[in-house]
Amino acid sequence: MVVARSYGGEVATDLALRYPDRARALVLLEAAPVELLPVAAEWTRAFRDRLREVAAASGEDAIGEELIRELAGEGAWGSLPHEARLIFTHNGPAVLADLQGDWLKADAAALAAINQPVLLIASTDSAPQLREPNEAMAAALPNARSALVGGGHLIDPAAPEALAFIEEVLESR
């Protein structure tokens, strides 16, 4: 069972494509490949460029705050516990590294090879560019279902929909 969010979902999807026997099922939290939809790819490239500009102007420690502000809204940074803000602050270099490489190039035909059960969770409050690739991915995957939850891009991996899916997959062993 692989549970992944955002860019981690591209990694999880790549794992399922390359090593299908290593992933019994996937739970992807707004984690569809951005290259699946041109508008999502364009938005992601602009976001990557903005984060690079923030790093150049204010240093890598400022990336976490900009990331959270963009993905979760203006007030989200201040609402995070201090420990979470420290984690995001110190992960600035990792965020930049994630944005350096190419994104997963998997079209609908390639995604159709993933036969494992997949749960795609999107958030009602996320930007359409984060939510809509899930819809395209759901249409391409033969064994996918979708769920829409409240909140923003930082979807709780222990959301009731995710836990119910995981339980169902584990019980089907």
N, C-alpha and C. Protein backbone atom coordinates (compact mmCIF):
# COMPACT_ATOMS: atom_id res chain seq x y z
N MET A 1 0.86 -1.17 0.00
CA MET A 1 0.00 0.00 0.00
C MET A 1 0.90 1.23 0.00
N VAL A 2 0.68 2.12 -0.95
CA VAL A 2 1.46 3.35 -1.02
C VAL A 2 0.50 4.52 -0.88
N VAL A 3 0.78 5.40 0.07
CA VAL A 3 0.00 6.62 0.27
C VAL A 3 0.93 7.79 -0.04
N ALA A 4 0.49 8.69 -0.93
CA ALA A 4 1.37 9.78 -1.35
C ALA A 4 0.58 11.04 -1.62
N ARG A 5 1.24 12.17 -1.39
CA ARG A 5 0.62 13.48 -1.60
C ARG A 5 1.45 14.27 -2.62
N SER A 6 0.75 15.01 -3.44
CA SER A 6 1.35 15.99 -4.34
C SER A 6 2.44 15.34 -5.19
N TYR A 7 3.65 15.92 -5.19
CA TYR A 7 4.73 15.37 -6.00
C TYR A 7 5.04 13.92 -5.63
N GLY A 8 4.87 13.58 -4.38
CA GLY A 8 5.09 12.19 -3.96
C GLY A 8 4.20 11.22 -4.72
N GLY A 9 3.05 11.71 -5.19
CA GLY A 9 2.16 10.88 -5.98
C GLY A 9 2.71 10.54 -7.34
N GLU A 10 3.50 11.45 -7.89
CA GLU A 10 4.16 11.13 -9.15
C GLU A 10 5.17 10.02 -8.93
N VAL A 11 5.87 10.08 -7.79
CA VAL A 11 6.83 9.03 -7.46
C VAL A 11 6.10 7.70 -7.26
N ALA A 12 4.98 7.73 -6.53
CA ALA A 12 4.20 6.52 -6.29
C ALA A 12 3.64 5.95 -7.60
N THR A 13 3.17 6.81 -8.48
CA THR A 13 2.64 6.37 -9.77
C THR A 13 3.75 5.75 -10.60
N ASP A 14 4.91 6.37 -10.60
CA ASP A 14 6.06 5.82 -11.32
C ASP A 14 6.44 4.45 -10.76
N LEU A 15 6.40 4.31 -9.44
CA LEU A 15 6.67 3.02 -8.81
C LEU A 15 5.68 1.96 -9.31
N ALA A 16 4.40 2.30 -9.33
CA ALA A 16 3.38 1.35 -9.78
C ALA A 16 3.55 0.99 -11.25
N LEU A 17 4.02 1.93 -12.06
CA LEU A 17 4.25 1.64 -13.48
C LEU A 17 5.49 0.77 -13.69
N ARG A 18 6.55 1.06 -12.97
CA ARG A 18 7.81 0.33 -13.15
C ARG A 18 7.85 -1.01 -12.43
N TYR A 19 7.26 -1.04 -11.24
CA TYR A 19 7.32 -2.23 -10.39
C TYR A 19 5.93 -2.55 -9.86
N PRO A 20 5.04 -3.00 -10.71
CA PRO A 20 3.66 -3.22 -10.30
C PRO A 20 3.51 -4.17 -9.11
N ASP A 21 4.43 -5.09 -8.95
CA ASP A 21 4.35 -6.04 -7.85
C ASP A 21 4.74 -5.42 -6.50
N ARG A 22 5.25 -4.19 -6.50
CA ARG A 22 5.69 -3.54 -5.27
C ARG A 22 4.61 -2.65 -4.64
N ALA A 23 3.54 -2.41 -5.37
CA ALA A 23 2.47 -1.53 -4.86
C ALA A 23 1.14 -2.26 -4.97
N ARG A 24 0.64 -2.73 -3.85
CA ARG A 24 -0.64 -3.46 -3.84
C ARG A 24 -1.80 -2.53 -4.18
N ALA A 25 -1.71 -1.30 -3.72
CA ALA A 25 -2.74 -0.29 -3.98
C ALA A 25 -2.12 1.08 -3.77
N LEU A 26 -2.79 2.10 -4.30
CA LEU A 26 -2.32 3.48 -4.15
C LEU A 26 -3.42 4.35 -3.57
N VAL A 27 -3.05 5.21 -2.66
CA VAL A 27 -3.91 6.29 -2.19
C VAL A 27 -3.16 7.57 -2.56
N LEU A 28 -3.71 8.33 -3.50
CA LEU A 28 -3.04 9.52 -4.01
C LEU A 28 -3.83 10.76 -3.62
N LEU A 29 -3.18 11.63 -2.87
CA LEU A 29 -3.79 12.86 -2.36
C LEU A 29 -3.38 14.02 -3.26
N GLU A 30 -4.27 14.40 -4.17
CA GLU A 30 -3.97 15.40 -5.19
C GLU A 30 -2.57 15.18 -5.74
N ALA A 31 -2.39 13.98 -6.22
CA ALA A 31 -1.06 13.53 -6.61
C ALA A 31 -0.98 13.06 -8.05
N ALA A 32 -1.91 13.46 -8.87
CA ALA A 32 -1.89 13.02 -10.26
C ALA A 32 -0.74 13.69 -11.01
N PRO A 33 -0.19 13.01 -12.01
CA PRO A 33 0.88 13.62 -12.80
C PRO A 33 0.42 14.94 -13.44
N VAL A 34 1.16 16.00 -13.17
CA VAL A 34 0.74 17.31 -13.68
C VAL A 34 0.82 17.40 -15.20
N GLU A 35 1.68 16.60 -15.81
CA GLU A 35 1.80 16.64 -17.27
C GLU A 35 0.58 16.04 -17.97
N LEU A 36 -0.32 15.43 -17.21
CA LEU A 36 -1.52 14.84 -17.78
C LEU A 36 -2.44 15.90 -18.36
N LEU A 37 -2.44 17.08 -17.77
CA LEU A 37 -3.26 18.20 -18.25
C LEU A 37 -2.36 19.42 -18.50
N PRO A 38 -2.38 19.97 -19.70
CA PRO A 38 -1.52 21.12 -20.00
C PRO A 38 -1.70 22.29 -19.05
N VAL A 39 -2.92 22.59 -18.64
CA VAL A 39 -3.13 23.73 -17.74
C VAL A 39 -2.48 23.48 -16.39
N ALA A 40 -2.49 22.24 -15.91
CA ALA A 40 -1.83 21.91 -14.64
C ALA A 40 -0.32 22.00 -14.77
N ALA A 41 0.20 21.55 -15.89
CA ALA A 41 1.64 21.62 -16.12
C ALA A 41 2.09 23.08 -16.19
N GLU A 42 1.34 23.91 -16.86
CA GLU A 42 1.68 25.33 -16.97
C GLU A 42 1.65 25.99 -15.59
N TRP A 43 0.61 25.72 -14.81
CA TRP A 43 0.49 26.29 -13.47
C TRP A 43 1.66 25.83 -12.59
N THR A 44 2.02 24.55 -12.69
CA THR A 44 3.11 24.00 -11.87
C THR A 44 4.45 24.62 -12.26
N ARG A 45 4.68 24.82 -13.55
CA ARG A 45 5.92 25.48 -13.98
C ARG A 45 5.99 26.91 -13.44
N ALA A 46 4.88 27.64 -13.49
CA ALA A 46 4.85 29.01 -12.96
C ALA A 46 5.09 29.00 -11.44
N PHE A 47 4.51 28.04 -10.75
CA PHE A 47 4.69 27.91 -9.31
C PHE A 47 6.16 27.61 -8.99
N ARG A 48 6.76 26.69 -9.74
CA ARG A 48 8.18 26.37 -9.57
C ARG A 48 9.04 27.62 -9.76
N ASP A 49 8.74 28.40 -10.79
CA ASP A 49 9.52 29.62 -11.04
C ASP A 49 9.36 30.63 -9.91
N ARG A 50 8.13 30.72 -9.37
CA ARG A 50 7.89 31.64 -8.26
C ARG A 50 8.68 31.21 -7.02
N LEU A 51 8.73 29.92 -6.74
CA LEU A 51 9.50 29.44 -5.60
C LEU A 51 10.99 29.69 -5.80
N ARG A 52 11.47 29.56 -7.01
CA ARG A 52 12.88 29.87 -7.29
C ARG A 52 13.16 31.36 -7.06
N GLU A 53 12.22 32.21 -7.46
CA GLU A 53 12.38 33.65 -7.23
C GLU A 53 12.40 33.96 -5.74
N VAL A 54 11.53 33.32 -4.97
CA VAL A 54 11.51 33.51 -3.52
C VAL A 54 12.85 33.10 -2.93
N ALA A 55 13.39 31.97 -3.36
CA ALA A 55 14.68 31.50 -2.85
C ALA A 55 15.79 32.49 -3.19
N ALA A 56 15.76 33.01 -4.41
CA ALA A 56 16.80 33.96 -4.82
C ALA A 56 16.71 35.27 -4.03
N ALA A 57 15.50 35.71 -3.77
CA ALA A 57 15.30 37.00 -3.09
C ALA A 57 15.43 36.89 -1.56
N SER A 58 14.92 35.80 -0.99
CA SER A 58 14.82 35.72 0.47
C SER A 58 15.52 34.51 1.08
N GLY A 59 16.07 33.65 0.27
CA GLY A 59 16.75 32.47 0.79
C GLY A 59 15.85 31.26 0.80
N GLU A 60 16.48 30.09 0.89
CA GLU A 60 15.74 28.83 0.84
C GLU A 60 14.81 28.65 2.03
N ASP A 61 15.11 29.30 3.16
CA ASP A 61 14.24 29.17 4.33
C ASP A 61 12.86 29.79 4.11
N ALA A 62 12.72 30.66 3.12
CA ALA A 62 11.43 31.31 2.85
C ALA A 62 10.53 30.48 1.95
N ILE A 63 11.05 29.41 1.37
CA ILE A 63 10.28 28.62 0.42
C ILE A 63 9.10 27.93 1.09
N GLY A 64 9.29 27.39 2.28
CA GLY A 64 8.22 26.67 2.96
C GLY A 64 7.00 27.53 3.18
N GLU A 65 7.22 28.76 3.62
CA GLU A 65 6.08 29.66 3.86
C GLU A 65 5.35 29.98 2.56
N GLU A 66 6.10 30.23 1.49
CA GLU A 66 5.47 30.52 0.20
C GLU A 66 4.72 29.29 -0.33
N LEU A 67 5.30 28.13 -0.14
CA LEU A 67 4.65 26.89 -0.56
C LEU A 67 3.31 26.72 0.14
N ILE A 68 3.29 26.85 1.45
CA ILE A 68 2.06 26.69 2.23
C ILE A 68 1.06 27.78 1.88
N ARG A 69 1.52 29.01 1.73
CA ARG A 69 0.61 30.10 1.39
C ARG A 69 -0.09 29.83 0.06
N GLU A 70 0.66 29.37 -0.92
CA GLU A 70 0.10 29.11 -2.25
C GLU A 70 -0.84 27.91 -2.25
N LEU A 71 -0.46 26.86 -1.55
CA LEU A 71 -1.24 25.63 -1.61
C LEU A 71 -2.38 25.56 -0.61
N ALA A 72 -2.25 26.30 0.50
CA ALA A 72 -3.26 26.17 1.55
C ALA A 72 -3.92 27.50 1.91
N GLY A 73 -3.52 28.59 1.30
CA GLY A 73 -4.17 29.87 1.55
C GLY A 73 -3.35 30.81 2.42
N GLU A 74 -3.75 32.07 2.39
CA GLU A 74 -3.01 33.14 3.07
C GLU A 74 -2.80 32.89 4.56
N GLY A 75 -3.81 32.45 5.27
CA GLY A 75 -3.70 32.31 6.72
C GLY A 75 -3.13 30.97 7.18
N ALA A 76 -2.84 30.09 6.25
CA ALA A 76 -2.46 28.73 6.63
C ALA A 76 -1.12 28.67 7.37
N TRP A 77 -0.15 29.46 6.95
CA TRP A 77 1.17 29.41 7.58
C TRP A 77 1.08 29.71 9.08
N GLY A 78 0.38 30.77 9.41
CA GLY A 78 0.24 31.15 10.82
C GLY A 78 -0.55 30.15 11.64
N SER A 79 -1.39 29.36 10.98
CA SER A 79 -2.20 28.39 11.71
C SER A 79 -1.46 27.08 11.98
N LEU A 80 -0.32 26.88 11.32
CA LEU A 80 0.45 25.66 11.54
C LEU A 80 1.15 25.71 12.90
N PRO A 81 1.29 24.59 13.56
CA PRO A 81 2.08 24.56 14.79
C PRO A 81 3.53 24.96 14.49
N HIS A 82 4.18 25.52 15.48
CA HIS A 82 5.56 25.98 15.32
C HIS A 82 6.46 24.87 14.75
N GLU A 83 6.29 23.66 15.26
CA GLU A 83 7.12 22.54 14.80
C GLU A 83 6.92 22.27 13.31
N ALA A 84 5.69 22.37 12.84
CA ALA A 84 5.42 22.16 11.42
C ALA A 84 6.05 23.27 10.58
N ARG A 85 5.96 24.50 11.06
CA ARG A 85 6.60 25.61 10.33
C ARG A 85 8.11 25.40 10.23
N LEU A 86 8.72 24.89 11.30
CA LEU A 86 10.16 24.61 11.27
C LEU A 86 10.49 23.54 10.23
N ILE A 87 9.67 22.51 10.17
CA ILE A 87 9.91 21.45 9.18
C ILE A 87 9.85 22.02 7.77
N PHE A 88 8.81 22.79 7.47
CA PHE A 88 8.70 23.39 6.14
C PHE A 88 9.82 24.37 5.86
N THR A 89 10.23 25.12 6.87
CA THR A 89 11.33 26.08 6.69
C THR A 89 12.62 25.34 6.35
N HIS A 90 12.91 24.28 7.07
CA HIS A 90 14.16 23.55 6.84
C HIS A 90 14.13 22.68 5.59
N ASN A 91 12.95 22.45 5.02
CA ASN A 91 12.83 21.62 3.82
C ASN A 91 12.90 22.42 2.53
N GLY A 92 13.20 23.71 2.61
CA GLY A 92 13.32 24.53 1.40
C GLY A 92 14.23 23.93 0.35
N PRO A 93 15.45 23.49 0.70
CA PRO A 93 16.32 22.88 -0.31
C PRO A 93 15.71 21.62 -0.95
N ALA A 94 15.00 20.82 -0.15
CA ALA A 94 14.37 19.61 -0.70
C ALA A 94 13.25 19.97 -1.67
N VAL A 95 12.49 21.00 -1.35
CA VAL A 95 11.42 21.44 -2.25
C VAL A 95 12.02 21.89 -3.58
N LEU A 96 13.08 22.68 -3.52
CA LEU A 96 13.74 23.11 -4.76
C LEU A 96 14.28 21.92 -5.55
N ALA A 97 14.84 20.95 -4.86
CA ALA A 97 15.36 19.76 -5.54
C ALA A 97 14.23 19.00 -6.23
N ASP A 98 13.08 18.87 -5.56
CA ASP A 98 11.93 18.19 -6.17
C ASP A 98 11.50 18.87 -7.45
N LEU A 99 11.63 20.18 -7.48
CA LEU A 99 11.15 20.94 -8.63
C LEU A 99 12.17 21.02 -9.77
N GLN A 100 13.38 20.51 -9.57
CA GLN A 100 14.43 20.59 -10.57
C GLN A 100 14.21 19.64 -11.74
N GLY A 101 13.83 18.43 -11.44
CA GLY A 101 13.75 17.41 -12.48
C GLY A 101 12.48 17.49 -13.30
N ASP A 102 12.39 16.57 -14.22
CA ASP A 102 11.18 16.47 -15.04
C ASP A 102 10.08 15.79 -14.24
N TRP A 103 8.86 16.11 -14.60
CA TRP A 103 7.72 15.44 -13.99
C TRP A 103 7.46 14.16 -14.76
N LEU A 104 6.70 13.29 -14.14
CA LEU A 104 6.35 12.02 -14.74
C LEU A 104 5.62 12.25 -16.05
N LYS A 105 6.11 11.61 -17.09
CA LYS A 105 5.49 11.71 -18.42
C LYS A 105 4.64 10.46 -18.63
N ALA A 106 3.45 10.45 -18.06
CA ALA A 106 2.56 9.30 -18.19
C ALA A 106 1.23 9.79 -18.76
N ASP A 107 0.95 9.37 -19.98
CA ASP A 107 -0.33 9.74 -20.58
C ASP A 107 -1.38 8.72 -20.17
N ALA A 108 -2.59 8.91 -20.65
CA ALA A 108 -3.70 8.04 -20.27
C ALA A 108 -3.43 6.59 -20.65
N ALA A 109 -2.80 6.36 -21.78
CA ALA A 109 -2.50 4.99 -22.21
C ALA A 109 -1.51 4.32 -21.25
N ALA A 110 -0.51 5.04 -20.81
CA ALA A 110 0.46 4.47 -19.87
C ALA A 110 -0.20 4.20 -18.52
N LEU A 111 -1.02 5.13 -18.07
CA LEU A 111 -1.69 4.96 -16.78
C LEU A 111 -2.65 3.78 -16.77
N ALA A 112 -3.19 3.44 -17.94
CA ALA A 112 -4.12 2.31 -18.04
C ALA A 112 -3.47 0.99 -17.66
N ALA A 113 -2.14 0.95 -17.61
CA ALA A 113 -1.43 -0.27 -17.23
C ALA A 113 -1.44 -0.51 -15.72
N ILE A 114 -1.84 0.49 -14.95
CA ILE A 114 -1.90 0.33 -13.50
C ILE A 114 -3.22 -0.36 -13.15
N ASN A 115 -3.14 -1.61 -12.76
CA ASN A 115 -4.34 -2.39 -12.46
C ASN A 115 -4.68 -2.45 -10.98
N GLN A 116 -3.78 -1.98 -10.14
CA GLN A 116 -4.03 -2.00 -8.71
C GLN A 116 -5.18 -1.07 -8.37
N PRO A 117 -5.84 -1.33 -7.23
CA PRO A 117 -6.85 -0.38 -6.76
C PRO A 117 -6.19 0.96 -6.45
N VAL A 118 -6.84 2.03 -6.86
CA VAL A 118 -6.31 3.38 -6.62
C VAL A 118 -7.43 4.26 -6.10
N LEU A 119 -7.14 4.97 -5.02
CA LEU A 119 -8.06 5.99 -4.52
C LEU A 119 -7.42 7.34 -4.77
N LEU A 120 -8.12 8.18 -5.50
CA LEU A 120 -7.66 9.54 -5.81
C LEU A 120 -8.48 10.51 -4.96
N ILE A 121 -7.81 11.23 -4.08
CA ILE A 121 -8.51 12.17 -3.21
C ILE A 121 -8.11 13.58 -3.61
N ALA A 122 -9.12 14.42 -3.84
CA ALA A 122 -8.90 15.83 -4.13
C ALA A 122 -9.64 16.65 -3.07
N SER A 123 -9.28 17.91 -2.99
CA SER A 123 -9.88 18.80 -1.99
C SER A 123 -10.75 19.86 -2.65
N THR A 124 -11.87 20.13 -2.02
CA THR A 124 -12.80 21.13 -2.53
C THR A 124 -12.19 22.53 -2.58
N ASP A 125 -11.23 22.80 -1.70
CA ASP A 125 -10.67 24.14 -1.60
C ASP A 125 -9.36 24.33 -2.36
N SER A 126 -8.89 23.32 -3.04
CA SER A 126 -7.64 23.43 -3.80
C SER A 126 -7.89 24.12 -5.13
N ALA A 127 -6.82 24.66 -5.67
CA ALA A 127 -6.89 25.26 -7.01
C ALA A 127 -7.30 24.19 -8.02
N PRO A 128 -8.05 24.57 -9.03
CA PRO A 128 -8.46 23.58 -10.04
C PRO A 128 -7.27 22.86 -10.66
N GLN A 129 -6.13 23.52 -10.77
CA GLN A 129 -4.95 22.91 -11.37
C GLN A 129 -4.40 21.77 -10.52
N LEU A 130 -4.77 21.73 -9.25
CA LEU A 130 -4.37 20.62 -8.38
C LEU A 130 -5.43 19.53 -8.34
N ARG A 131 -6.67 19.92 -8.52
CA ARG A 131 -7.80 19.00 -8.42
C ARG A 131 -8.11 18.30 -9.75
N GLU A 132 -8.06 19.01 -10.84
CA GLU A 132 -8.49 18.47 -12.13
C GLU A 132 -7.62 17.34 -12.69
N PRO A 133 -6.31 17.32 -12.43
CA PRO A 133 -5.55 16.14 -12.91
C PRO A 133 -6.04 14.84 -12.29
N ASN A 134 -6.59 14.90 -11.07
CA ASN A 134 -7.17 13.70 -10.47
C ASN A 134 -8.29 13.15 -11.34
N GLU A 135 -9.12 14.04 -11.88
CA GLU A 135 -10.24 13.61 -12.72
C GLU A 135 -9.73 12.93 -13.98
N ALA A 136 -8.70 13.50 -14.59
CA ALA A 136 -8.13 12.90 -15.80
C ALA A 136 -7.49 11.55 -15.48
N MET A 137 -6.85 11.47 -14.33
CA MET A 137 -6.22 10.21 -13.95
C MET A 137 -7.27 9.15 -13.64
N ALA A 138 -8.34 9.55 -13.00
CA ALA A 138 -9.43 8.60 -12.69
C ALA A 138 -10.01 8.01 -13.98
N ALA A 139 -10.11 8.83 -15.01
CA ALA A 139 -10.64 8.34 -16.28
C ALA A 139 -9.68 7.36 -16.95
N ALA A 140 -8.38 7.48 -16.67
CA ALA A 140 -7.39 6.63 -17.32
C ALA A 140 -7.14 5.32 -16.60
N LEU A 141 -7.32 5.31 -15.30
CA LEU A 141 -7.01 4.12 -14.50
C LEU A 141 -8.18 3.15 -14.50
N PRO A 142 -7.93 1.88 -14.77
CA PRO A 142 -9.04 0.92 -14.85
C PRO A 142 -9.66 0.56 -13.50
N ASN A 143 -8.95 0.78 -12.39
CA ASN A 143 -9.44 0.34 -11.10
C ASN A 143 -9.35 1.48 -10.08
N ALA A 144 -9.81 2.66 -10.49
CA ALA A 144 -9.70 3.83 -9.63
C ALA A 144 -11.07 4.29 -9.16
N ARG A 145 -11.05 4.90 -8.01
CA ARG A 145 -12.22 5.62 -7.52
C ARG A 145 -11.74 6.95 -6.98
N SER A 146 -12.65 7.88 -6.89
CA SER A 146 -12.30 9.23 -6.46
C SER A 146 -13.09 9.63 -5.24
N ALA A 147 -12.49 10.53 -4.47
CA ALA A 147 -13.17 11.12 -3.32
C ALA A 147 -12.82 12.59 -3.29
N LEU A 148 -13.75 13.38 -2.83
CA LEU A 148 -13.56 14.82 -2.68
C LEU A 148 -13.77 15.15 -1.21
N VAL A 149 -12.76 15.77 -0.61
CA VAL A 149 -12.83 16.11 0.81
C VAL A 149 -12.70 17.62 0.98
N GLY A 150 -13.09 18.11 2.13
CA GLY A 150 -12.93 19.52 2.42
C GLY A 150 -11.50 19.86 2.75
N GLY A 151 -11.23 21.15 2.75
CA GLY A 151 -9.88 21.61 3.09
C GLY A 151 -9.09 21.94 1.86
N GLY A 152 -7.79 22.07 2.05
CA GLY A 152 -6.90 22.44 0.95
C GLY A 152 -5.99 21.29 0.55
N HIS A 153 -4.91 21.64 -0.10
CA HIS A 153 -3.99 20.68 -0.69
C HIS A 153 -3.33 19.76 0.34
N LEU A 154 -3.23 20.20 1.57
CA LEU A 154 -2.59 19.37 2.60
C LEU A 154 -3.62 18.39 3.17
N ILE A 155 -4.11 17.52 2.32
CA ILE A 155 -5.14 16.55 2.68
C ILE A 155 -4.59 15.58 3.72
N ASP A 156 -5.41 15.31 4.70
CA ASP A 156 -5.03 14.39 5.77
C ASP A 156 -4.98 12.96 5.22
N PRO A 157 -3.83 12.30 5.28
CA PRO A 157 -3.77 10.92 4.78
C PRO A 157 -4.60 9.95 5.61
N ALA A 158 -5.03 10.39 6.78
CA ALA A 158 -5.91 9.56 7.62
C ALA A 158 -7.37 10.00 7.51
N ALA A 159 -7.70 10.65 6.39
CA ALA A 159 -9.10 11.04 6.15
C ALA A 159 -9.95 9.77 6.14
N PRO A 160 -11.19 9.86 6.59
CA PRO A 160 -12.04 8.66 6.64
C PRO A 160 -12.11 7.91 5.31
N GLU A 161 -12.13 8.63 4.20
CA GLU A 161 -12.20 7.99 2.89
C GLU A 161 -10.95 7.14 2.63
N ALA A 162 -9.79 7.67 3.02
CA ALA A 162 -8.54 6.94 2.82
C ALA A 162 -8.49 5.70 3.72
N LEU A 163 -8.85 5.88 4.98
CA LEU A 163 -8.80 4.74 5.91
C LEU A 163 -9.78 3.63 5.50
N ALA A 164 -10.96 4.01 5.03
CA ALA A 164 -11.93 3.00 4.58
C ALA A 164 -11.40 2.24 3.37
N PHE A 165 -10.77 2.93 2.45
CA PHE A 165 -10.19 2.30 1.26
C PHE A 165 -9.07 1.34 1.67
N ILE A 166 -8.19 1.80 2.53
CA ILE A 166 -7.08 0.96 2.98
C ILE A 166 -7.61 -0.29 3.66
N GLU A 167 -8.60 -0.12 4.52
CA GLU A 167 -9.20 -1.28 5.21
C GLU A 167 -9.79 -2.25 4.21
N GLU A 168 -10.50 -1.74 3.22
CA GLU A 168 -11.11 -2.58 2.19
C GLU A 168 -10.05 -3.37 1.42
N VAL A 169 -8.96 -2.69 1.04
CA VAL A 169 -7.90 -3.37 0.29
C VAL A 169 -7.23 -4.44 1.15
N LEU A 170 -6.97 -4.12 2.41
CA LEU A 170 -6.32 -5.09 3.29
C LEU A 170 -7.23 -6.29 3.57
N GLU A 171 -8.52 -6.06 3.66
CA GLU A 171 -9.45 -7.16 3.90
C GLU A 171 -9.60 -8.07 2.69
N SER A 172 -9.29 -7.57 1.51
CA SER A 172 -9.46 -8.36 0.29
C SER A 172 -8.27 -9.29 0.04
N ARG A 173 -7.32 -9.31 0.91
CA ARG A 173 -6.12 -10.15 0.75
C ARG A 173 -6.47 -11.58 0.69
